[in-house]
Amino acid sequence: MSSKIHHKQISVVAKSAVMTSVTGTLDETTLATITIPKDSLGPTGILRISYLFTVPLNSNVKYIRVRFGGTSFIYAQFTNTTTVSGQVDIYNRGVTNSQVSYPTYNRFGIAAAAKSDGTVDTTLDKDITITAQLTNISDTIKLEAYIVEIL
């Protein structure tokens, strides 16, 4: 008896190592916008978003967010660190309008927070936005690199 394993190719939707940053404002600022084309995920597709930020080493709070179709899948705050590297996997749950994801910027390990759920209709073009927000206008948050993949 034999079984076939079908492999779907991993597709890189977008990638960049061109630094973008925010300073001088307390407003949430979009540092990258990536459009996921309609119907590219299918009912069991996975979005993988990896990112690298640098921030000043101080006690001021800095925020980063990753949204897909307006739904926040990552909302993280940092103090007393200089580098933030993370990855989020957003899974379609057998249908094209229901997603689940790990709730924190580090997708491995144990989290006290509940899982992240979404109801993004992936049969339509939808944007991923990577944003940053300061609590002190003299700070800077730099998005150093990111890659968005469809698995």
N, C-alpha and C. Protein backbone atom coordinates (compact mmCIF):
# COMPACT_ATOMS: atom_id res chain seq x y z
N MET A 1 0.85 -1.16 0.00
CA MET A 1 0.00 0.00 0.00
C MET A 1 0.90 1.24 0.00
N SER A 2 0.66 2.14 -0.91
CA SER A 2 1.48 3.36 -0.96
C SER A 2 0.60 4.57 -0.72
N SER A 3 1.23 5.57 -0.23
CA SER A 3 0.50 6.83 -0.03
C SER A 3 1.29 7.95 -0.67
N LYS A 4 0.58 8.91 -1.18
CA LYS A 4 1.21 10.05 -1.82
C LYS A 4 1.16 11.24 -0.85
N ILE A 5 2.23 11.95 -0.82
CA ILE A 5 2.27 13.18 -0.05
C ILE A 5 2.35 14.32 -1.05
N HIS A 6 1.41 15.21 -0.97
CA HIS A 6 1.39 16.36 -1.86
C HIS A 6 2.00 17.55 -1.15
N HIS A 7 2.99 18.16 -1.75
CA HIS A 7 3.64 19.31 -1.17
C HIS A 7 3.23 20.57 -1.92
N LYS A 8 2.78 21.54 -1.16
CA LYS A 8 2.49 22.85 -1.73
C LYS A 8 3.77 23.67 -1.61
N GLN A 9 4.12 24.34 -2.65
CA GLN A 9 5.33 25.14 -2.66
C GLN A 9 5.18 26.34 -1.73
N ILE A 10 6.25 26.66 -1.01
CA ILE A 10 6.28 27.87 -0.19
C ILE A 10 6.49 29.05 -1.12
N SER A 11 5.69 30.07 -0.95
CA SER A 11 5.75 31.23 -1.80
C SER A 11 6.12 32.46 -0.98
N VAL A 12 7.16 33.15 -1.39
CA VAL A 12 7.52 34.41 -0.73
C VAL A 12 6.71 35.51 -1.39
N VAL A 13 5.87 36.17 -0.60
CA VAL A 13 5.01 37.23 -1.10
C VAL A 13 5.76 38.55 -1.11
N ALA A 14 6.54 38.80 -0.07
CA ALA A 14 7.29 40.05 0.04
C ALA A 14 8.45 39.86 1.00
N LYS A 15 9.51 40.61 0.76
CA LYS A 15 10.64 40.61 1.69
C LYS A 15 11.37 41.93 1.52
N SER A 16 11.99 42.37 2.59
CA SER A 16 12.75 43.61 2.53
C SER A 16 13.73 43.65 3.68
N ALA A 17 14.91 44.16 3.40
CA ALA A 17 15.89 44.48 4.43
C ALA A 17 16.25 45.97 4.33
N VAL A 18 15.34 46.74 3.74
CA VAL A 18 15.49 48.19 3.68
C VAL A 18 14.82 48.74 4.93
N MET A 19 15.62 49.36 5.80
CA MET A 19 15.13 49.83 7.08
C MET A 19 14.11 50.95 6.91
N THR A 20 13.01 50.86 7.68
CA THR A 20 12.05 51.94 7.81
C THR A 20 11.91 52.21 9.31
N SER A 21 11.54 53.44 9.67
CA SER A 21 11.52 53.75 11.09
C SER A 21 10.45 54.78 11.44
N VAL A 22 10.23 54.92 12.73
CA VAL A 22 9.35 55.95 13.26
C VAL A 22 10.06 56.64 14.41
N THR A 23 9.97 57.96 14.44
CA THR A 23 10.46 58.78 15.54
C THR A 23 9.71 60.09 15.51
N GLY A 24 9.65 60.78 16.65
CA GLY A 24 9.06 62.11 16.68
C GLY A 24 7.54 62.16 16.74
N THR A 25 6.87 61.03 16.90
CA THR A 25 5.41 61.00 17.00
C THR A 25 4.98 59.91 17.96
N LEU A 26 3.85 60.12 18.60
CA LEU A 26 3.28 59.09 19.47
C LEU A 26 2.19 58.30 18.76
N ASP A 27 1.92 58.64 17.49
CA ASP A 27 0.90 57.94 16.71
C ASP A 27 1.41 56.59 16.24
N GLU A 28 0.52 55.62 16.17
CA GLU A 28 0.88 54.34 15.56
C GLU A 28 1.22 54.60 14.10
N THR A 29 2.36 54.07 13.65
CA THR A 29 2.88 54.36 12.32
C THR A 29 3.09 53.07 11.55
N THR A 30 2.58 53.01 10.34
CA THR A 30 2.76 51.83 9.49
C THR A 30 4.15 51.88 8.87
N LEU A 31 4.93 50.82 9.09
CA LEU A 31 6.28 50.72 8.56
C LEU A 31 6.34 49.81 7.33
N ALA A 32 5.35 48.96 7.15
CA ALA A 32 5.30 48.10 5.96
C ALA A 32 3.86 47.68 5.72
N THR A 33 3.46 47.66 4.45
CA THR A 33 2.16 47.15 4.03
C THR A 33 2.39 46.15 2.91
N ILE A 34 1.85 44.96 3.07
CA ILE A 34 2.02 43.88 2.09
C ILE A 34 0.63 43.36 1.74
N THR A 35 0.29 43.34 0.46
CA THR A 35 -1.01 42.83 0.03
C THR A 35 -0.92 41.34 -0.24
N ILE A 36 -1.82 40.60 0.37
CA ILE A 36 -1.96 39.16 0.09
C ILE A 36 -3.04 39.03 -0.97
N PRO A 37 -2.69 38.51 -2.15
CA PRO A 37 -3.68 38.42 -3.23
C PRO A 37 -4.84 37.49 -2.88
N LYS A 38 -6.01 37.83 -3.38
CA LYS A 38 -7.21 37.04 -3.13
C LYS A 38 -6.98 35.58 -3.52
N ASP A 39 -7.59 34.69 -2.78
CA ASP A 39 -7.57 33.25 -3.03
C ASP A 39 -6.18 32.61 -3.00
N SER A 40 -5.17 33.31 -2.49
CA SER A 40 -3.84 32.72 -2.48
C SER A 40 -3.59 31.78 -1.30
N LEU A 41 -4.44 31.83 -0.29
CA LEU A 41 -4.27 30.95 0.87
C LEU A 41 -5.06 29.65 0.77
N GLY A 42 -6.24 29.71 0.20
CA GLY A 42 -7.10 28.54 0.20
C GLY A 42 -7.58 28.26 1.61
N PRO A 43 -8.37 27.22 1.81
CA PRO A 43 -8.96 26.97 3.13
C PRO A 43 -7.97 26.50 4.20
N THR A 44 -6.82 25.98 3.80
CA THR A 44 -5.86 25.48 4.79
C THR A 44 -4.50 26.15 4.68
N GLY A 45 -4.45 27.30 4.04
CA GLY A 45 -3.18 28.01 3.88
C GLY A 45 -2.70 28.64 5.17
N ILE A 46 -1.42 28.94 5.18
CA ILE A 46 -0.78 29.55 6.34
C ILE A 46 0.02 30.76 5.87
N LEU A 47 -0.14 31.87 6.57
CA LEU A 47 0.71 33.03 6.37
C LEU A 47 1.81 33.00 7.41
N ARG A 48 3.04 33.17 7.02
CA ARG A 48 4.15 33.27 7.97
C ARG A 48 4.79 34.64 7.79
N ILE A 49 4.82 35.40 8.86
CA ILE A 49 5.38 36.75 8.83
C ILE A 49 6.53 36.79 9.83
N SER A 50 7.73 37.04 9.34
CA SER A 50 8.91 37.15 10.20
C SER A 50 9.41 38.59 10.13
N TYR A 51 9.92 39.08 11.26
CA TYR A 51 10.34 40.48 11.29
C TYR A 51 11.50 40.68 12.26
N LEU A 52 12.23 41.77 12.03
CA LEU A 52 13.36 42.15 12.88
C LEU A 52 13.27 43.65 13.13
N PHE A 53 13.18 44.03 14.41
CA PHE A 53 13.16 45.43 14.82
C PHE A 53 14.38 45.73 15.68
N THR A 54 14.83 46.99 15.67
CA THR A 54 15.78 47.47 16.65
C THR A 54 15.17 48.69 17.33
N VAL A 55 15.48 48.83 18.62
CA VAL A 55 14.94 49.91 19.44
C VAL A 55 16.03 50.38 20.40
N PRO A 56 15.91 51.61 20.93
CA PRO A 56 16.90 52.07 21.89
C PRO A 56 16.76 51.34 23.23
N LEU A 57 17.88 51.13 23.87
CA LEU A 57 17.91 50.45 25.16
C LEU A 57 17.57 51.46 26.25
N ASN A 58 16.29 51.48 26.65
CA ASN A 58 15.86 52.35 27.74
C ASN A 58 14.55 51.79 28.31
N SER A 59 14.03 52.45 29.32
CA SER A 59 12.83 51.94 29.99
C SER A 59 11.53 52.44 29.36
N ASN A 60 11.60 53.22 28.28
CA ASN A 60 10.39 53.67 27.60
C ASN A 60 9.72 52.50 26.89
N VAL A 61 8.40 52.44 26.95
CA VAL A 61 7.65 51.37 26.31
C VAL A 61 7.57 51.64 24.81
N LYS A 62 7.78 50.60 24.02
CA LYS A 62 7.61 50.65 22.56
C LYS A 62 6.67 49.51 22.17
N TYR A 63 5.82 49.77 21.17
CA TYR A 63 4.84 48.77 20.73
C TYR A 63 5.08 48.39 19.27
N ILE A 64 4.87 47.12 18.96
CA ILE A 64 4.81 46.68 17.57
C ILE A 64 3.53 45.88 17.39
N ARG A 65 3.01 45.95 16.17
CA ARG A 65 1.78 45.24 15.85
C ARG A 65 1.91 44.65 14.45
N VAL A 66 1.29 43.49 14.27
CA VAL A 66 1.13 42.89 12.95
C VAL A 66 -0.35 42.62 12.78
N ARG A 67 -0.91 43.21 11.73
CA ARG A 67 -2.33 43.02 11.44
C ARG A 67 -2.47 42.36 10.07
N PHE A 68 -3.51 41.56 9.96
CA PHE A 68 -3.88 40.97 8.68
C PHE A 68 -5.35 41.28 8.45
N GLY A 69 -5.64 41.98 7.36
CA GLY A 69 -7.02 42.36 7.07
C GLY A 69 -7.65 43.19 8.17
N GLY A 70 -6.83 43.97 8.88
CA GLY A 70 -7.32 44.82 9.96
C GLY A 70 -7.37 44.14 11.32
N THR A 71 -7.22 42.82 11.36
CA THR A 71 -7.25 42.08 12.62
C THR A 71 -5.84 41.99 13.19
N SER A 72 -5.70 42.34 14.45
CA SER A 72 -4.39 42.30 15.10
C SER A 72 -4.04 40.87 15.51
N PHE A 73 -2.93 40.39 14.98
CA PHE A 73 -2.45 39.05 15.35
C PHE A 73 -1.22 39.13 16.26
N ILE A 74 -0.51 40.24 16.23
CA ILE A 74 0.60 40.47 17.16
C ILE A 74 0.45 41.87 17.73
N TYR A 75 0.50 41.95 19.04
CA TYR A 75 0.51 43.23 19.75
C TYR A 75 1.49 43.03 20.89
N ALA A 76 2.67 43.61 20.76
CA ALA A 76 3.72 43.37 21.75
C ALA A 76 4.31 44.69 22.21
N GLN A 77 4.71 44.72 23.46
CA GLN A 77 5.37 45.91 23.99
C GLN A 77 6.72 45.52 24.57
N PHE A 78 7.67 46.48 24.51
CA PHE A 78 9.04 46.19 24.91
C PHE A 78 9.62 47.35 25.69
N THR A 79 10.48 47.03 26.64
CA THR A 79 11.34 47.98 27.32
C THR A 79 12.68 47.29 27.53
N ASN A 80 13.71 48.07 27.75
CA ASN A 80 15.03 47.56 28.12
C ASN A 80 15.52 46.43 27.22
N THR A 81 15.39 46.62 25.93
CA THR A 81 15.90 45.67 24.95
C THR A 81 16.38 46.46 23.74
N THR A 82 17.17 45.84 22.89
CA THR A 82 17.65 46.54 21.69
C THR A 82 17.22 45.88 20.40
N THR A 83 16.92 44.58 20.45
CA THR A 83 16.57 43.86 19.23
C THR A 83 15.35 43.00 19.50
N VAL A 84 14.40 43.06 18.56
CA VAL A 84 13.20 42.24 18.66
C VAL A 84 13.05 41.48 17.35
N SER A 85 13.11 40.17 17.44
CA SER A 85 12.93 39.32 16.27
C SER A 85 11.76 38.40 16.56
N GLY A 86 10.85 38.29 15.61
CA GLY A 86 9.69 37.46 15.86
C GLY A 86 9.12 36.87 14.59
N GLN A 87 8.17 36.01 14.79
CA GLN A 87 7.51 35.35 13.67
C GLN A 87 6.09 35.00 14.10
N VAL A 88 5.15 35.21 13.19
CA VAL A 88 3.77 34.83 13.47
C VAL A 88 3.27 33.97 12.31
N ASP A 89 2.62 32.87 12.63
CA ASP A 89 1.96 32.02 11.66
C ASP A 89 0.46 32.21 11.83
N ILE A 90 -0.23 32.54 10.75
CA ILE A 90 -1.68 32.72 10.77
C ILE A 90 -2.27 31.61 9.91
N TYR A 91 -3.05 30.74 10.52
CA TYR A 91 -3.57 29.54 9.88
C TYR A 91 -5.03 29.72 9.48
N ASN A 92 -5.36 29.48 8.21
CA ASN A 92 -6.77 29.35 7.84
C ASN A 92 -7.26 28.03 8.41
N ARG A 93 -8.47 28.02 8.96
CA ARG A 93 -8.97 26.87 9.73
C ARG A 93 -9.91 25.97 8.94
N GLY A 94 -9.52 25.64 7.70
CA GLY A 94 -10.35 24.75 6.90
C GLY A 94 -11.39 25.50 6.07
N VAL A 95 -11.48 26.78 6.29
CA VAL A 95 -12.35 27.67 5.52
C VAL A 95 -11.56 28.94 5.23
N THR A 96 -12.06 29.76 4.33
CA THR A 96 -11.30 30.94 3.90
C THR A 96 -11.61 32.20 4.71
N ASN A 97 -12.39 32.08 5.78
CA ASN A 97 -12.71 33.26 6.57
C ASN A 97 -12.61 33.02 8.08
N SER A 98 -11.73 32.12 8.48
CA SER A 98 -11.50 31.87 9.90
C SER A 98 -10.04 31.52 10.10
N GLN A 99 -9.38 32.25 11.03
CA GLN A 99 -7.95 32.04 11.27
C GLN A 99 -7.67 31.87 12.76
N VAL A 100 -6.51 31.28 13.04
CA VAL A 100 -6.01 31.14 14.40
C VAL A 100 -4.51 31.37 14.37
N SER A 101 -3.98 31.90 15.48
CA SER A 101 -2.56 32.20 15.56
C SER A 101 -2.11 32.16 17.01
N TYR A 102 -0.82 31.96 17.19
CA TYR A 102 -0.20 32.06 18.51
C TYR A 102 -0.26 33.51 18.95
N PRO A 103 -0.50 33.81 20.23
CA PRO A 103 -0.80 35.19 20.64
C PRO A 103 0.37 36.12 20.88
N THR A 104 1.61 35.65 20.80
CA THR A 104 2.73 36.54 21.12
C THR A 104 3.73 36.57 19.98
N TYR A 105 4.70 37.46 20.08
CA TYR A 105 5.69 37.65 19.02
C TYR A 105 6.62 36.47 18.86
N ASN A 106 6.78 35.66 19.90
CA ASN A 106 7.62 34.47 19.81
C ASN A 106 6.70 33.28 19.67
N ARG A 107 6.65 32.68 18.49
CA ARG A 107 5.63 31.67 18.21
C ARG A 107 5.89 30.32 18.86
N PHE A 108 6.99 30.18 19.59
CA PHE A 108 7.28 28.93 20.27
C PHE A 108 7.20 29.15 21.77
N GLY A 109 6.74 28.16 22.49
CA GLY A 109 6.74 28.25 23.94
C GLY A 109 5.35 28.31 24.52
N ILE A 110 5.29 28.80 25.73
CA ILE A 110 4.06 28.85 26.49
C ILE A 110 3.64 30.32 26.61
N ALA A 111 2.36 30.59 26.43
CA ALA A 111 1.85 31.95 26.54
C ALA A 111 0.72 32.00 27.55
N ALA A 112 0.70 33.06 28.33
CA ALA A 112 -0.40 33.25 29.27
C ALA A 112 -1.62 33.84 28.57
N ALA A 113 -1.39 34.42 27.39
CA ALA A 113 -2.49 35.04 26.64
C ALA A 113 -3.25 34.00 25.83
N ALA A 114 -4.50 34.31 25.53
CA ALA A 114 -5.32 33.43 24.70
C ALA A 114 -4.83 33.48 23.25
N LYS A 115 -5.15 32.46 22.49
CA LYS A 115 -4.80 32.43 21.07
C LYS A 115 -5.46 33.61 20.36
N SER A 116 -4.92 33.98 19.22
CA SER A 116 -5.51 35.05 18.41
C SER A 116 -6.41 34.42 17.36
N ASP A 117 -7.61 34.96 17.21
CA ASP A 117 -8.57 34.48 16.21
C ASP A 117 -8.88 35.59 15.23
N GLY A 118 -9.16 35.21 13.99
CA GLY A 118 -9.54 36.17 12.98
C GLY A 118 -10.69 35.68 12.14
N THR A 119 -11.35 36.61 11.48
CA THR A 119 -12.43 36.30 10.55
C THR A 119 -12.19 37.04 9.24
N VAL A 120 -10.95 37.00 8.77
CA VAL A 120 -10.55 37.71 7.56
C VAL A 120 -10.96 36.88 6.35
N ASP A 121 -11.67 37.50 5.41
CA ASP A 121 -12.09 36.81 4.19
C ASP A 121 -10.93 36.79 3.20
N THR A 122 -10.26 35.64 3.11
CA THR A 122 -9.07 35.55 2.26
C THR A 122 -9.41 35.29 0.78
N THR A 123 -10.70 35.32 0.44
CA THR A 123 -11.06 35.26 -0.98
C THR A 123 -10.98 36.65 -1.61
N LEU A 124 -10.61 37.65 -0.81
CA LEU A 124 -10.42 39.02 -1.28
C LEU A 124 -8.99 39.45 -1.00
N ASP A 125 -8.45 40.41 -1.76
CA ASP A 125 -7.15 40.99 -1.43
C ASP A 125 -7.20 41.54 -0.01
N LYS A 126 -6.18 41.24 0.79
CA LYS A 126 -6.10 41.74 2.16
C LYS A 126 -4.68 42.18 2.45
N ASP A 127 -4.55 43.24 3.23
CA ASP A 127 -3.24 43.77 3.58
C ASP A 127 -2.74 43.24 4.92
N ILE A 128 -1.44 43.02 4.97
CA ILE A 128 -0.72 42.85 6.22
C ILE A 128 -0.08 44.20 6.50
N THR A 129 -0.23 44.69 7.72
CA THR A 129 0.47 45.91 8.10
C THR A 129 1.35 45.61 9.30
N ILE A 130 2.56 46.12 9.25
CA ILE A 130 3.50 46.02 10.36
C ILE A 130 3.67 47.44 10.86
N THR A 131 3.31 47.66 12.14
CA THR A 131 3.30 49.02 12.67
C THR A 131 4.14 49.11 13.94
N ALA A 132 4.45 50.35 14.31
CA ALA A 132 5.20 50.62 15.53
C ALA A 132 4.62 51.87 16.18
N GLN A 133 4.75 51.94 17.50
CA GLN A 133 4.26 53.10 18.23
C GLN A 133 5.18 53.38 19.42
N LEU A 134 5.48 54.65 19.60
CA LEU A 134 6.35 55.10 20.68
C LEU A 134 5.53 55.67 21.83
N THR A 135 6.15 55.73 23.01
CA THR A 135 5.57 56.45 24.14
C THR A 135 6.44 57.65 24.51
N ASN A 136 7.56 57.83 23.79
CA ASN A 136 8.44 58.97 23.97
C ASN A 136 8.92 59.40 22.58
N ILE A 137 8.65 60.64 22.20
CA ILE A 137 8.94 61.07 20.82
C ILE A 137 10.43 61.12 20.51
N SER A 138 11.29 61.06 21.51
CA SER A 138 12.73 61.06 21.22
C SER A 138 13.26 59.67 20.90
N ASP A 139 12.45 58.63 21.10
CA ASP A 139 12.86 57.26 20.75
C ASP A 139 12.68 57.01 19.26
N THR A 140 13.21 55.90 18.80
CA THR A 140 13.06 55.46 17.42
C THR A 140 12.83 53.95 17.43
N ILE A 141 11.90 53.51 16.59
CA ILE A 141 11.73 52.07 16.35
C ILE A 141 12.05 51.85 14.88
N LYS A 142 12.95 50.92 14.62
CA LYS A 142 13.36 50.61 13.25
C LYS A 142 12.91 49.21 12.87
N LEU A 143 12.17 49.11 11.77
CA LEU A 143 11.88 47.80 11.17
C LEU A 143 13.04 47.53 10.23
N GLU A 144 13.91 46.62 10.63
CA GLU A 144 15.14 46.34 9.88
C GLU A 144 14.91 45.39 8.71
N ALA A 145 13.98 44.44 8.87
CA ALA A 145 13.75 43.45 7.83
C ALA A 145 12.44 42.72 8.10
N TYR A 146 11.87 42.16 7.04
CA TYR A 146 10.71 41.30 7.18
C TYR A 146 10.62 40.38 5.96
N ILE A 147 9.90 39.30 6.14
CA ILE A 147 9.58 38.40 5.04
C ILE A 147 8.17 37.87 5.29
N VAL A 148 7.37 37.80 4.24
CA VAL A 148 6.02 37.26 4.31
C VAL A 148 5.96 36.08 3.36
N GLU A 149 5.54 34.92 3.88
CA GLU A 149 5.48 33.69 3.09
C GLU A 149 4.08 33.10 3.17
N ILE A 150 3.70 32.39 2.12
CA ILE A 150 2.49 31.58 2.14
C ILE A 150 2.94 30.13 2.10
N LEU A 151 2.44 29.35 3.05
CA LEU A 151 2.80 27.94 3.14
C LEU A 151 1.60 27.10 2.80
